Every structure is written in structure tokens, then in C-alpha cells.
């Protein structure tokens, strides 16, 4: 089970690293929903790191699995909303919005603006791979990581 927590941790690190690549080298600005997804990956990675270092027994695995599942579900909902917004941009205004103002006022946005500052428009599609956008791929990643989190939550041994 410890290797599963390590896999979740490395997956979150890889996804956040690729987000940094897209932002700083490809020039894509993150929107508020992107930053919210990054926060979910950060929390999942942090919990997976703690679980990997702790190497818990049955009850501890269930506790870590519960929190991983919660953050994965949160990220899944945000990514699904973002993917829906890209397909129906007239349904929601997301540029300079209360979400952006809130996220940019958080201490994390001032501490590490390159990771947590939201400056983009949620409905922009600047990157695609296999006809899927960044939120589509993020949704797939959250669903995969969420299934692993549920496994850690529900596995008997």
C-alpha cells in the first residue's frame, strides 16, 4: 500500500510540474479554476507524502484514503466544471471574477505567484492533445487518482 501512496505523490508532482511547464515555457496563463485544481493536486500530494512517510496500518490507511478521496472528488468537480465551461463559455463569466480576486488574495498567491496566481480566462482553449483540453486531461487524472484513493480507503489488506 505504501507504493500506492508513493505513486499518487509522484503523479501529483508530475502533473504540477507539467502545469509549471505549460505556464512558464509555453506561456499559458492559469485561470481561477486551474489554480483551484492545482490546490487539489497539492493537497493530494501532501496527504500522499504523509501517508508514504507514516506507512499506516489499517485505520490510518482509511483516514489517509478518506482525505485523498475528498480532495480528488473536489478536483474532479472543479475539472468537470472547467471542461463544461470551455464547451459552453457563454454560461459563466470567468476573467476578473470574485474567484480570481479571492485566489489572488490568498497568502499562497503572494508567496508563490508562479504556481497560485490566477490571471487567465477559464474559457480559453490554448492547448489540446488528442482533441482533449487541459481540464479534460485533469478530469481524467483526478478520476484515476480518485479510484486509487478509494482503493486505499476500501481495501481490507
N, C-alpha and C. Protein backbone atom coordinates (compact mmCIF):
# COMPACT_ATOMS: atom_id res chain seq x y z
N UNK A 1 0.83 -1.19 0.00
CA UNK A 1 0.00 0.00 0.00
C UNK A 1 0.88 1.26 0.00
N UNK A 2 2.05 1.13 0.60
CA UNK A 2 2.95 2.28 0.66
C UNK A 2 3.35 2.74 -0.74
N UNK A 3 3.56 1.80 -1.65
CA UNK A 3 3.93 2.16 -3.02
C UNK A 3 2.78 2.88 -3.73
N UNK A 4 1.57 2.56 -3.36
CA UNK A 4 0.41 3.26 -3.94
C UNK A 4 0.40 4.73 -3.53
N UNK A 5 0.71 5.00 -2.27
CA UNK A 5 0.81 6.39 -1.82
C UNK A 5 1.96 7.11 -2.54
N UNK A 6 3.07 6.41 -2.75
CA UNK A 6 4.19 6.99 -3.48
C UNK A 6 3.79 7.30 -4.92
N UNK A 7 3.04 6.40 -5.54
CA UNK A 7 2.58 6.62 -6.91
C UNK A 7 1.68 7.84 -7.00
N UNK A 8 0.76 8.00 -6.04
CA UNK A 8 -0.12 9.17 -6.02
C UNK A 8 0.71 10.43 -5.85
N UNK A 9 1.67 10.40 -4.94
CA UNK A 9 2.54 11.56 -4.72
C UNK A 9 3.30 11.92 -5.99
N UNK A 10 3.92 10.95 -6.64
CA UNK A 10 4.70 11.22 -7.85
C UNK A 10 3.81 11.69 -9.00
N UNK A 11 2.60 11.18 -9.06
CA UNK A 11 1.65 11.62 -10.09
C UNK A 11 1.29 13.09 -9.88
N UNK A 12 1.01 13.47 -8.65
CA UNK A 12 0.68 14.87 -8.35
C UNK A 12 1.86 15.78 -8.65
N UNK A 13 3.06 15.36 -8.29
CA UNK A 13 4.25 16.16 -8.58
C UNK A 13 4.42 16.32 -10.08
N UNK A 14 4.22 15.24 -10.82
CA UNK A 14 4.37 15.29 -12.28
C UNK A 14 3.34 16.22 -12.92
N UNK A 15 2.10 16.12 -12.47
CA UNK A 15 1.04 16.97 -13.03
C UNK A 15 1.29 18.44 -12.71
N UNK A 16 1.72 18.73 -11.49
CA UNK A 16 2.03 20.11 -11.12
C UNK A 16 3.26 20.62 -11.87
N UNK A 17 4.22 19.74 -12.09
CA UNK A 17 5.40 20.12 -12.87
C UNK A 17 5.04 20.44 -14.31
N UNK A 18 4.14 19.64 -14.89
CA UNK A 18 3.72 19.91 -16.26
C UNK A 18 2.92 21.21 -16.34
N UNK A 19 2.14 21.50 -15.30
CA UNK A 19 1.41 22.77 -15.26
C UNK A 19 2.39 23.94 -15.24
N UNK A 20 3.49 23.78 -14.51
CA UNK A 20 4.51 24.83 -14.48
C UNK A 20 5.18 24.99 -15.85
N UNK A 21 5.41 23.87 -16.51
CA UNK A 21 5.98 23.91 -17.86
C UNK A 21 5.05 24.67 -18.81
N UNK A 22 3.77 24.32 -18.78
CA UNK A 22 2.81 25.00 -19.67
C UNK A 22 2.71 26.48 -19.37
N UNK A 23 2.81 26.84 -18.10
CA UNK A 23 2.70 28.25 -17.73
C UNK A 23 3.96 29.03 -18.08
N UNK A 24 5.10 28.54 -17.68
CA UNK A 24 6.32 29.34 -17.80
C UNK A 24 7.04 29.18 -19.13
N UNK A 25 6.94 28.02 -19.76
CA UNK A 25 7.64 27.82 -21.02
C UNK A 25 6.73 27.90 -22.23
N UNK A 26 5.48 27.47 -22.09
CA UNK A 26 4.54 27.55 -23.21
C UNK A 26 3.72 28.84 -23.16
N UNK A 27 3.77 29.57 -22.06
CA UNK A 27 3.11 30.86 -21.97
C UNK A 27 1.61 30.82 -21.72
N UNK A 28 1.09 29.73 -21.17
CA UNK A 28 -0.34 29.64 -20.86
C UNK A 28 -0.59 30.18 -19.46
N UNK A 29 -1.50 31.14 -19.33
CA UNK A 29 -1.81 31.71 -18.02
C UNK A 29 -2.88 30.86 -17.33
N UNK A 30 -2.70 30.54 -16.05
CA UNK A 30 -3.71 29.77 -15.34
C UNK A 30 -4.91 30.63 -14.94
N UNK A 31 -6.08 30.07 -15.08
CA UNK A 31 -7.31 30.77 -14.67
C UNK A 31 -7.65 30.36 -13.23
N UNK A 32 -8.67 30.94 -12.63
CA UNK A 32 -9.03 30.56 -11.26
C UNK A 32 -9.34 29.08 -11.09
N UNK A 33 -10.01 28.47 -12.08
CA UNK A 33 -10.31 27.05 -11.97
C UNK A 33 -9.05 26.20 -12.09
N UNK A 34 -8.09 26.65 -12.89
CA UNK A 34 -6.80 25.95 -12.98
C UNK A 34 -6.08 25.98 -11.63
N UNK A 35 -6.07 27.14 -11.00
CA UNK A 35 -5.40 27.29 -9.72
C UNK A 35 -6.10 26.44 -8.66
N UNK A 36 -7.42 26.38 -8.70
CA UNK A 36 -8.15 25.54 -7.74
C UNK A 36 -7.80 24.06 -7.94
N UNK A 37 -7.64 23.64 -9.19
CA UNK A 37 -7.22 22.26 -9.45
C UNK A 37 -5.80 22.03 -8.95
N UNK A 38 -4.94 23.01 -9.12
CA UNK A 38 -3.57 22.89 -8.61
C UNK A 38 -3.58 22.72 -7.10
N UNK A 39 -4.45 23.46 -6.43
CA UNK A 39 -4.56 23.31 -4.97
C UNK A 39 -4.99 21.90 -4.59
N UNK A 40 -5.93 21.34 -5.34
CA UNK A 40 -6.37 19.97 -5.06
C UNK A 40 -5.22 18.98 -5.26
N UNK A 41 -4.43 19.16 -6.32
CA UNK A 41 -3.27 18.29 -6.53
C UNK A 41 -2.25 18.46 -5.40
N UNK A 42 -2.05 19.71 -4.96
CA UNK A 42 -1.12 19.95 -3.86
C UNK A 42 -1.56 19.22 -2.60
N UNK A 43 -2.84 19.35 -2.25
CA UNK A 43 -3.32 18.69 -1.04
C UNK A 43 -3.26 17.18 -1.16
N UNK A 44 -3.60 16.65 -2.33
CA UNK A 44 -3.49 15.21 -2.54
C UNK A 44 -2.03 14.76 -2.41
N UNK A 45 -1.12 15.52 -3.00
CA UNK A 45 0.29 15.16 -2.91
C UNK A 45 0.81 15.22 -1.50
N UNK A 46 0.39 16.23 -0.76
CA UNK A 46 0.83 16.37 0.63
C UNK A 46 0.31 15.20 1.48
N UNK A 47 -0.94 14.84 1.30
CA UNK A 47 -1.50 13.72 2.06
C UNK A 47 -0.81 12.42 1.68
N UNK A 48 -0.56 12.23 0.38
CA UNK A 48 0.13 11.02 -0.07
C UNK A 48 1.55 10.97 0.49
N UNK A 49 2.22 12.11 0.57
CA UNK A 49 3.56 12.16 1.16
C UNK A 49 3.52 11.76 2.63
N UNK A 50 2.57 12.33 3.37
CA UNK A 50 2.44 11.99 4.79
C UNK A 50 2.13 10.50 4.96
N UNK A 51 1.24 9.96 4.12
CA UNK A 51 0.89 8.54 4.21
C UNK A 51 2.09 7.67 3.86
N UNK A 52 2.86 8.08 2.85
CA UNK A 52 4.04 7.30 2.48
C UNK A 52 5.06 7.30 3.62
N UNK A 53 5.31 8.44 4.22
CA UNK A 53 6.27 8.52 5.32
C UNK A 53 5.78 7.81 6.57
N UNK A 54 4.49 7.90 6.83
CA UNK A 54 3.90 7.31 8.03
C UNK A 54 3.77 5.79 7.91
N UNK A 55 3.50 5.30 6.71
CA UNK A 55 3.26 3.87 6.45
C UNK A 55 2.24 3.31 7.43
N UNK A 56 1.00 3.82 7.37
CA UNK A 56 0.00 3.49 8.39
C UNK A 56 -0.54 2.07 8.25
N UNK A 57 -1.13 1.62 9.35
CA UNK A 57 -1.85 0.35 9.36
C UNK A 57 -3.27 0.59 8.86
N UNK A 58 -4.15 -0.32 9.12
CA UNK A 58 -5.50 -0.33 8.54
C UNK A 58 -6.28 0.96 8.78
N UNK A 59 -6.40 1.40 10.02
CA UNK A 59 -7.19 2.61 10.32
C UNK A 59 -6.54 3.84 9.70
N UNK A 60 -5.23 3.95 9.83
CA UNK A 60 -4.52 5.09 9.25
C UNK A 60 -4.66 5.15 7.74
N UNK A 61 -4.58 3.98 7.08
CA UNK A 61 -4.79 3.94 5.62
C UNK A 61 -6.17 4.44 5.25
N UNK A 62 -7.15 4.07 6.03
CA UNK A 62 -8.52 4.52 5.76
C UNK A 62 -8.65 6.03 5.94
N UNK A 63 -7.99 6.58 6.94
CA UNK A 63 -8.04 8.03 7.17
C UNK A 63 -7.37 8.76 6.02
N UNK A 64 -6.17 8.32 5.64
CA UNK A 64 -5.48 8.95 4.51
C UNK A 64 -6.29 8.77 3.23
N UNK A 65 -6.84 7.58 3.03
CA UNK A 65 -7.66 7.32 1.84
C UNK A 65 -8.90 8.20 1.80
N UNK A 66 -9.48 8.47 2.96
CA UNK A 66 -10.64 9.34 3.03
C UNK A 66 -10.28 10.75 2.56
N UNK A 67 -9.20 11.30 3.11
CA UNK A 67 -8.81 12.65 2.72
C UNK A 67 -8.37 12.73 1.26
N UNK A 68 -7.66 11.71 0.79
CA UNK A 68 -7.31 11.66 -0.63
C UNK A 68 -8.57 11.64 -1.50
N UNK A 69 -9.56 10.88 -1.08
CA UNK A 69 -10.81 10.79 -1.84
C UNK A 69 -11.55 12.12 -1.85
N UNK A 70 -11.55 12.82 -0.73
CA UNK A 70 -12.23 14.12 -0.65
C UNK A 70 -11.58 15.12 -1.60
N UNK A 71 -10.25 15.22 -1.57
CA UNK A 71 -9.57 16.18 -2.44
C UNK A 71 -9.65 15.76 -3.90
N UNK A 72 -9.66 14.47 -4.15
CA UNK A 72 -9.83 14.00 -5.52
C UNK A 72 -11.23 14.33 -6.04
N UNK A 73 -12.23 14.14 -5.21
CA UNK A 73 -13.59 14.49 -5.60
C UNK A 73 -13.72 15.99 -5.84
N UNK A 74 -13.11 16.78 -4.98
CA UNK A 74 -13.12 18.23 -5.16
C UNK A 74 -12.48 18.62 -6.48
N UNK A 75 -11.31 18.05 -6.76
CA UNK A 75 -10.63 18.32 -8.03
C UNK A 75 -11.43 17.85 -9.23
N UNK A 76 -12.09 16.72 -9.09
CA UNK A 76 -12.92 16.19 -10.18
C UNK A 76 -14.07 17.14 -10.49
N UNK A 77 -14.71 17.65 -9.47
CA UNK A 77 -15.82 18.58 -9.67
C UNK A 77 -15.33 19.86 -10.33
N UNK A 78 -14.20 20.38 -9.87
CA UNK A 78 -13.66 21.61 -10.46
C UNK A 78 -13.26 21.38 -11.91
N UNK A 79 -12.58 20.26 -12.19
CA UNK A 79 -12.16 19.97 -13.56
C UNK A 79 -13.36 19.75 -14.47
N UNK A 80 -14.39 19.08 -13.98
CA UNK A 80 -15.59 18.86 -14.79
C UNK A 80 -16.29 20.19 -15.08
N UNK A 81 -16.35 21.05 -14.09
CA UNK A 81 -16.93 22.38 -14.31
C UNK A 81 -16.12 23.17 -15.34
N UNK A 82 -14.81 23.08 -15.25
CA UNK A 82 -13.94 23.79 -16.18
C UNK A 82 -14.11 23.25 -17.60
N UNK A 83 -14.17 21.92 -17.72
CA UNK A 83 -14.36 21.31 -19.05
C UNK A 83 -15.72 21.70 -19.63
N UNK A 84 -16.74 21.76 -18.78
CA UNK A 84 -18.07 22.16 -19.24
C UNK A 84 -18.05 23.63 -19.67
N UNK A 85 -17.35 24.45 -18.91
CA UNK A 85 -17.27 25.88 -19.21
C UNK A 85 -16.59 26.14 -20.55
N UNK A 86 -15.59 25.34 -20.87
CA UNK A 86 -14.92 25.51 -22.16
C UNK A 86 -15.88 25.22 -23.31
N UNK A 87 -16.75 24.25 -23.12
CA UNK A 87 -17.70 23.90 -24.18
C UNK A 87 -18.88 24.88 -24.26
N UNK A 88 -19.20 25.52 -23.15
CA UNK A 88 -20.31 26.48 -23.09
C UNK A 88 -19.84 27.77 -22.41
N UNK A 89 -18.97 28.55 -23.06
CA UNK A 89 -18.37 29.72 -22.41
C UNK A 89 -19.36 30.84 -22.10
N UNK A 90 -20.48 30.88 -22.78
CA UNK A 90 -21.44 31.95 -22.53
C UNK A 90 -22.19 31.77 -21.21
N UNK A 91 -22.04 30.61 -20.57
CA UNK A 91 -22.80 30.33 -19.36
C UNK A 91 -22.16 30.88 -18.09
N UNK A 92 -20.94 31.34 -18.18
CA UNK A 92 -20.25 31.75 -16.96
C UNK A 92 -19.17 32.76 -17.31
N UNK A 93 -19.08 33.81 -16.57
CA UNK A 93 -18.03 34.81 -16.77
C UNK A 93 -16.87 34.47 -15.84
N UNK A 94 -15.73 34.29 -16.41
CA UNK A 94 -14.59 33.91 -15.58
C UNK A 94 -13.39 34.73 -15.94
N UNK A 95 -13.21 35.85 -15.96
CA UNK A 95 -11.96 36.55 -16.18
C UNK A 95 -11.61 37.21 -14.89
N UNK A 96 -11.94 38.45 -14.76
CA UNK A 96 -11.76 39.14 -13.49
C UNK A 96 -13.05 38.89 -12.72
N UNK A 97 -12.99 37.94 -11.84
CA UNK A 97 -14.19 37.49 -11.14
C UNK A 97 -13.90 37.45 -9.64
N UNK A 98 -14.93 37.23 -8.84
CA UNK A 98 -14.71 37.10 -7.39
C UNK A 98 -13.78 35.93 -7.06
N UNK A 99 -13.86 34.84 -7.86
CA UNK A 99 -12.98 33.70 -7.63
C UNK A 99 -11.52 34.10 -7.82
N UNK A 100 -11.26 34.84 -8.91
CA UNK A 100 -9.90 35.27 -9.18
C UNK A 100 -9.39 36.20 -8.08
N UNK A 101 -10.23 37.15 -7.66
CA UNK A 101 -9.84 38.07 -6.60
C UNK A 101 -9.56 37.32 -5.30
N UNK A 102 -10.41 36.34 -4.98
CA UNK A 102 -10.21 35.55 -3.76
C UNK A 102 -8.92 34.75 -3.83
N UNK A 103 -8.70 34.02 -4.92
CA UNK A 103 -7.50 33.20 -5.04
C UNK A 103 -6.23 34.04 -5.03
N UNK A 104 -6.27 35.19 -5.69
CA UNK A 104 -5.09 36.04 -5.74
C UNK A 104 -4.82 36.76 -4.41
N UNK A 105 -5.81 36.80 -3.52
CA UNK A 105 -5.60 37.41 -2.21
C UNK A 105 -5.09 36.41 -1.18
N UNK A 106 -5.08 35.14 -1.50
CA UNK A 106 -4.58 34.13 -0.57
C UNK A 106 -3.07 34.30 -0.37
N UNK A 107 -2.57 33.98 0.81
CA UNK A 107 -1.13 34.09 1.04
C UNK A 107 -0.30 33.25 0.07
N UNK A 108 -0.85 32.11 -0.37
CA UNK A 108 -0.11 31.27 -1.31
C UNK A 108 0.15 31.99 -2.63
N UNK A 109 -0.79 32.79 -3.08
CA UNK A 109 -0.63 33.51 -4.35
C UNK A 109 0.45 34.58 -4.23
N UNK A 110 0.61 35.14 -3.04
CA UNK A 110 1.68 36.12 -2.85
C UNK A 110 3.02 35.44 -2.58
N UNK A 111 2.97 34.28 -1.93
CA UNK A 111 4.18 33.55 -1.61
C UNK A 111 4.79 32.90 -2.86
N UNK A 112 3.93 32.29 -3.70
CA UNK A 112 4.41 31.62 -4.90
C UNK A 112 3.47 31.96 -6.06
N UNK A 113 3.58 33.17 -6.59
CA UNK A 113 2.66 33.59 -7.65
C UNK A 113 2.78 32.76 -8.92
N UNK A 114 3.95 32.22 -9.19
CA UNK A 114 4.11 31.39 -10.38
C UNK A 114 3.29 30.13 -10.36
N UNK A 115 2.85 29.70 -9.17
CA UNK A 115 2.05 28.49 -9.05
C UNK A 115 0.59 28.81 -8.76
N UNK A 116 0.32 29.81 -7.94
CA UNK A 116 -1.02 30.00 -7.41
C UNK A 116 -1.71 31.30 -7.80
N UNK A 117 -1.12 32.12 -8.66
CA UNK A 117 -1.78 33.36 -9.06
C UNK A 117 -2.60 33.11 -10.32
N UNK A 118 -3.88 33.48 -10.28
CA UNK A 118 -4.79 33.26 -11.40
C UNK A 118 -4.87 34.51 -12.26
N UNK A 119 -4.48 34.38 -13.53
CA UNK A 119 -4.50 35.52 -14.45
C UNK A 119 -5.18 35.22 -15.78
N UNK A 120 -5.53 33.98 -16.02
CA UNK A 120 -6.07 33.59 -17.32
C UNK A 120 -7.59 33.60 -17.36
N UNK A 121 -8.11 33.31 -18.54
CA UNK A 121 -9.55 33.21 -18.76
C UNK A 121 -9.93 31.74 -18.83
N UNK A 122 -10.91 31.34 -18.06
CA UNK A 122 -11.29 29.93 -17.96
C UNK A 122 -11.81 29.34 -19.27
N UNK A 123 -12.34 30.16 -20.14
CA UNK A 123 -12.93 29.63 -21.36
C UNK A 123 -11.95 29.58 -22.54
N UNK A 124 -10.72 30.04 -22.34
CA UNK A 124 -9.72 29.98 -23.42
C UNK A 124 -9.25 28.55 -23.62
N UNK A 125 -9.08 28.18 -24.89
CA UNK A 125 -8.52 26.88 -25.23
C UNK A 125 -7.24 27.14 -26.02
N UNK A 126 -6.13 27.08 -25.31
CA UNK A 126 -4.83 27.34 -25.94
C UNK A 126 -4.01 26.08 -26.14
N UNK A 127 -4.48 24.94 -25.64
CA UNK A 127 -3.70 23.71 -25.69
C UNK A 127 -4.66 22.54 -25.81
N UNK A 128 -4.36 21.63 -26.70
CA UNK A 128 -5.13 20.40 -26.85
C UNK A 128 -4.19 19.26 -27.19
N UNK A 129 -4.56 18.06 -26.74
CA UNK A 129 -3.85 16.85 -27.11
C UNK A 129 -4.89 15.76 -27.31
N UNK A 130 -4.88 15.14 -28.47
CA UNK A 130 -5.88 14.13 -28.84
C UNK A 130 -7.29 14.71 -28.71
N UNK A 131 -7.44 15.93 -29.10
CA UNK A 131 -8.69 16.71 -29.08
C UNK A 131 -9.28 16.91 -27.68
N UNK A 132 -8.47 16.69 -26.65
CA UNK A 132 -8.90 16.95 -25.27
C UNK A 132 -8.12 18.15 -24.73
N UNK A 133 -8.80 18.98 -23.97
CA UNK A 133 -8.19 20.18 -23.40
C UNK A 133 -7.53 19.86 -22.05
N UNK A 134 -6.88 20.84 -21.49
CA UNK A 134 -6.22 20.66 -20.19
C UNK A 134 -7.22 20.23 -19.11
N UNK A 135 -8.40 20.87 -19.01
CA UNK A 135 -9.34 20.41 -17.98
C UNK A 135 -9.84 18.98 -18.23
N UNK A 136 -9.94 18.58 -19.50
CA UNK A 136 -10.34 17.20 -19.80
C UNK A 136 -9.31 16.22 -19.26
N UNK A 137 -8.04 16.51 -19.52
CA UNK A 137 -6.97 15.64 -19.04
C UNK A 137 -6.88 15.67 -17.52
N UNK A 138 -7.10 16.83 -16.95
CA UNK A 138 -7.09 16.94 -15.49
C UNK A 138 -8.24 16.12 -14.88
N UNK A 139 -9.39 16.16 -15.52
CA UNK A 139 -10.52 15.36 -15.07
C UNK A 139 -10.17 13.87 -15.10
N UNK A 140 -9.55 13.42 -16.17
CA UNK A 140 -9.14 12.02 -16.28
C UNK A 140 -8.14 11.68 -15.16
N UNK A 141 -7.18 12.59 -14.92
CA UNK A 141 -6.19 12.35 -13.86
C UNK A 141 -6.86 12.29 -12.48
N UNK A 142 -7.78 13.21 -12.21
CA UNK A 142 -8.47 13.18 -10.92
C UNK A 142 -9.30 11.90 -10.76
N UNK A 143 -9.94 11.45 -11.84
CA UNK A 143 -10.71 10.21 -11.75
C UNK A 143 -9.80 9.01 -11.48
N UNK A 144 -8.64 8.98 -12.14
CA UNK A 144 -7.69 7.89 -11.90
C UNK A 144 -7.13 7.92 -10.49
N UNK A 145 -6.70 9.10 -10.06
CA UNK A 145 -6.18 9.21 -8.70
C UNK A 145 -7.27 8.98 -7.66
N UNK A 146 -8.49 9.38 -7.98
CA UNK A 146 -9.61 9.14 -7.08
C UNK A 146 -9.92 7.66 -6.93
N UNK A 147 -9.79 6.91 -8.02
CA UNK A 147 -10.02 5.47 -7.92
C UNK A 147 -8.95 4.81 -7.05
N UNK A 148 -7.70 5.28 -7.16
CA UNK A 148 -6.66 4.76 -6.27
C UNK A 148 -6.91 5.16 -4.82
N UNK A 149 -7.40 6.38 -4.62
CA UNK A 149 -7.71 6.84 -3.26
C UNK A 149 -8.84 6.00 -2.67
N UNK A 150 -9.85 5.71 -3.48
CA UNK A 150 -10.95 4.85 -2.99
C UNK A 150 -10.45 3.45 -2.67
N UNK A 151 -9.51 2.97 -3.46
CA UNK A 151 -8.93 1.65 -3.17
C UNK A 151 -8.23 1.66 -1.81
N UNK A 152 -7.45 2.71 -1.54
CA UNK A 152 -6.78 2.78 -0.24
C UNK A 152 -7.79 2.92 0.90
N UNK A 153 -8.91 3.54 0.60
CA UNK A 153 -9.95 3.72 1.62
C UNK A 153 -10.69 2.42 1.90
N UNK A 154 -10.95 1.63 0.86
CA UNK A 154 -11.83 0.48 0.99
C UNK A 154 -11.11 -0.87 1.06
N UNK A 155 -9.82 -0.90 0.74
CA UNK A 155 -9.09 -2.19 0.72
C UNK A 155 -8.98 -2.77 2.12
N UNK A 156 -9.12 -4.07 2.21
CA UNK A 156 -9.03 -4.73 3.51
C UNK A 156 -7.60 -4.93 3.95
N UNK A 157 -6.72 -5.28 3.02
CA UNK A 157 -5.31 -5.50 3.39
C UNK A 157 -4.42 -4.79 2.45
